[in-house]
Amino acid sequence: MTKVIIRRHVCIIKRARQRDLLLMDADSDCESPGTPNRTIQILRGLRGKRLLRALLHEGIHAVDWNISERKVDLLAQNLARLLLATGWHQ
């Protein structure tokens, strides 16, 4: 579990079990603003590009909850591509 401050709010980033995210059919989830101990869950076992995209996706939600899911996906995808092209690795 990791604590990160995003826009003056503490976000707890933790690795989730498959069944915790299964109902959402997702690799990750970010709780809505105002949730006490707001949590970003990232599926355990994610590595490489999938992990990077999940972290970016939920980080974007944490920074601005009002961005549409489509735009969040596009931003995360393009930022992941940029980081990978410049040598990011886990």
C-alpha atoms as a PDB file:
ATOM      1  CA  MET A   1       0.000   0.000   0.000  1.00  0.00           C
ATOM      2  CA  THR A   2       1.292   3.436  -0.969  1.00  0.00           C
ATOM      3  CA  LYS A   3      -0.013   6.850   0.049  1.00  0.00           C
ATOM      4  CA  VAL A   4       0.169   9.646  -2.510  1.00  0.00           C
ATOM      5  CA  ILE A   5      -1.063  13.229  -2.220  1.00  0.00           C
ATOM      6  CA  ILE A   6      -3.022  14.288  -5.303  1.00  0.00           C
ATOM      7  CA  ARG A   7      -4.576  17.755  -5.348  1.00  0.00           C
ATOM      8  CA  ARG A   8      -4.239  18.091  -1.565  1.00  0.00           C
ATOM      9  CA  HIS A   9      -6.005  14.766  -0.968  1.00  0.00           C
ATOM     10  CA  VAL A  10      -4.356  11.609   0.258  1.00  0.00           C
ATOM     11  CA  CYS A  11      -4.937   8.682  -2.102  1.00  0.00           C
ATOM     12  CA  ILE A  12      -4.093   5.192  -0.978  1.00  0.00           C
ATOM     13  CA  ILE A  13      -2.825   3.015  -3.827  1.00  0.00           C
ATOM     14  CA  LYS A  14      -3.146  -0.685  -3.160  1.00  0.00           C
ATOM     15  CA  ARG A  15      -2.990  -3.898  -5.128  1.00  0.00           C
ATOM     16  CA  ALA A  16      -6.412  -5.552  -5.389  1.00  0.00           C
ATOM     17  CA  ARG A  17      -7.363  -9.184  -5.819  1.00  0.00           C
ATOM     18  CA  GLN A  18      -9.035 -10.241  -9.049  1.00  0.00           C
ATOM     19  CA  ARG A  19     -12.410 -10.749  -7.355  1.00  0.00           C
ATOM     20  CA  ASP A  20     -12.379  -7.197  -5.939  1.00  0.00           C
ATOM     21  CA  LEU A  21     -12.300  -5.732  -9.462  1.00  0.00           C
ATOM     22  CA  LEU A  22     -14.061  -8.577 -11.305  1.00  0.00           C
ATOM     23  CA  LEU A  23     -17.536  -7.068 -11.116  1.00  0.00           C
ATOM     24  CA  MET A  24     -16.268  -3.927 -12.810  1.00  0.00           C
ATOM     25  CA  ASP A  25     -14.361  -5.906 -15.464  1.00  0.00           C
ATOM     26  CA  ALA A  26     -11.426  -3.568 -14.888  1.00  0.00           C
ATOM     27  CA  ASP A  27      -7.711  -3.576 -14.110  1.00  0.00           C
ATOM     28  CA  SER A  28      -8.125  -0.666 -11.703  1.00  0.00           C
ATOM     29  CA  ASP A  29     -10.520   1.651  -9.893  1.00  0.00           C
ATOM     30  CA  CYS A  30     -10.433   5.089  -8.286  1.00  0.00           C
ATOM     31  CA  GLU A  31     -12.924   6.072  -5.597  1.00  0.00           C
ATOM     32  CA  SER A  32     -14.784   9.328  -6.026  1.00  0.00           C
ATOM     33  CA  PRO A  33     -13.630  12.621  -4.496  1.00  0.00           C
ATOM     34  CA  GLY A  34     -14.697  13.177  -0.932  1.00  0.00           C
ATOM     35  CA  THR A  35     -14.462   9.489  -0.047  1.00  0.00           C
ATOM     36  CA  PRO A  36     -12.581   9.202   3.261  1.00  0.00           C
ATOM     37  CA  ASN A  37      -9.264   7.410   2.730  1.00  0.00           C
ATOM     38  CA  ARG A  38      -9.855   7.563  -1.013  1.00  0.00           C
ATOM     39  CA  THR A  39      -8.367   4.459  -2.611  1.00  0.00           C
ATOM     40  CA  ILE A  40      -6.984   3.655  -6.029  1.00  0.00           C
ATOM     41  CA  GLN A  41      -7.006  -0.103  -6.560  1.00  0.00           C
ATOM     42  CA  ILE A  42      -4.688  -1.710  -9.087  1.00  0.00           C
ATOM     43  CA  LEU A  43      -5.077  -5.383  -9.970  1.00  0.00           C
ATOM     44  CA  ARG A  44      -2.298  -7.539  -8.504  1.00  0.00           C
ATOM     45  CA  GLY A  45       0.026  -9.031 -11.058  1.00  0.00           C
ATOM     46  CA  LEU A  46      -0.184  -6.201 -13.579  1.00  0.00           C
ATOM     47  CA  ARG A  47       3.179  -5.466 -15.128  1.00  0.00           C
ATOM     48  CA  GLY A  48       4.686  -3.327 -17.841  1.00  0.00           C
ATOM     49  CA  LYS A  49       2.404  -1.436 -20.183  1.00  0.00           C
ATOM     50  CA  ARG A  50      -0.831  -2.634 -18.512  1.00  0.00           C
ATOM     51  CA  LEU A  51       0.340  -1.471 -15.088  1.00  0.00           C
ATOM     52  CA  LEU A  52       1.505   1.865 -16.461  1.00  0.00           C
ATOM     53  CA  ARG A  53      -1.810   2.490 -18.237  1.00  0.00           C
ATOM     54  CA  ALA A  54      -3.823   1.541 -15.136  1.00  0.00           C
ATOM     55  CA  LEU A  55      -1.787   3.866 -12.905  1.00  0.00           C
ATOM     56  CA  LEU A  56      -2.045   6.733 -15.381  1.00  0.00           C
ATOM     57  CA  HIS A  57      -5.769   6.148 -15.919  1.00  0.00           C
ATOM     58  CA  GLU A  58      -6.622   6.239 -12.216  1.00  0.00           C
ATOM     59  CA  GLY A  59      -4.169   9.070 -11.558  1.00  0.00           C
ATOM     60  CA  ILE A  60      -5.960  11.174 -14.157  1.00  0.00           C
ATOM     61  CA  HIS A  61      -9.293  10.427 -12.450  1.00  0.00           C
ATOM     62  CA  ALA A  62      -7.751  11.425  -9.118  1.00  0.00           C
ATOM     63  CA  VAL A  63      -6.521  14.731 -10.539  1.00  0.00           C
ATOM     64  CA  ASP A  64      -9.779  15.599 -12.314  1.00  0.00           C
ATOM     65  CA  TRP A  65     -12.857  13.495 -11.667  1.00  0.00           C
ATOM     66  CA  ASN A  66     -14.875  15.417 -14.294  1.00  0.00           C
ATOM     67  CA  ILE A  67     -12.930  14.281 -17.368  1.00  0.00           C
ATOM     68  CA  SER A  68     -14.958  11.820 -19.435  1.00  0.00           C
ATOM     69  CA  GLU A  69     -13.958   8.152 -19.391  1.00  0.00           C
ATOM     70  CA  ARG A  70     -13.178   8.352 -23.125  1.00  0.00           C
ATOM     71  CA  LYS A  71     -10.765  11.253 -22.610  1.00  0.00           C
ATOM     72  CA  VAL A  72      -9.179   9.581 -19.582  1.00  0.00           C
ATOM     73  CA  ASP A  73      -8.565   6.460 -21.693  1.00  0.00           C
ATOM     74  CA  LEU A  74      -7.027   8.508 -24.507  1.00  0.00           C
ATOM     75  CA  LEU A  75      -4.804  10.491 -22.128  1.00  0.00           C
ATOM     76  CA  ALA A  76      -3.616   7.359 -20.309  1.00  0.00           C
ATOM     77  CA  GLN A  77      -2.942   5.543 -23.579  1.00  0.00           C
ATOM     78  CA  ASN A  78      -0.962   8.422 -25.073  1.00  0.00           C
ATOM     79  CA  LEU A  79       0.996   9.166 -21.890  1.00  0.00           C
ATOM     80  CA  ALA A  80       1.875   5.468 -21.584  1.00  0.00           C
ATOM     81  CA  ARG A  81       3.050   5.437 -25.201  1.00  0.00           C
ATOM     82  CA  LEU A  82       5.199   8.529 -24.550  1.00  0.00           C
ATOM     83  CA  LEU A  83       6.785   7.109 -21.399  1.00  0.00           C
ATOM     84  CA  LEU A  84       7.464   3.716 -22.987  1.00  0.00           C
ATOM     85  CA  ALA A  85       8.991   5.337 -26.068  1.00  0.00           C
ATOM     86  CA  THR A  86      11.366   7.322 -23.868  1.00  0.00           C
ATOM     87  CA  GLY A  87      12.574   4.312 -21.910  1.00  0.00           C
ATOM     88  CA  TRP A  88      10.226   3.906 -18.951  1.00  0.00           C
ATOM     89  CA  HIS A  89      10.327   0.448 -17.466  1.00  0.00           C
ATOM     90  CA  GLN A  90       9.161  -1.175 -14.254  1.00  0.00           C
END
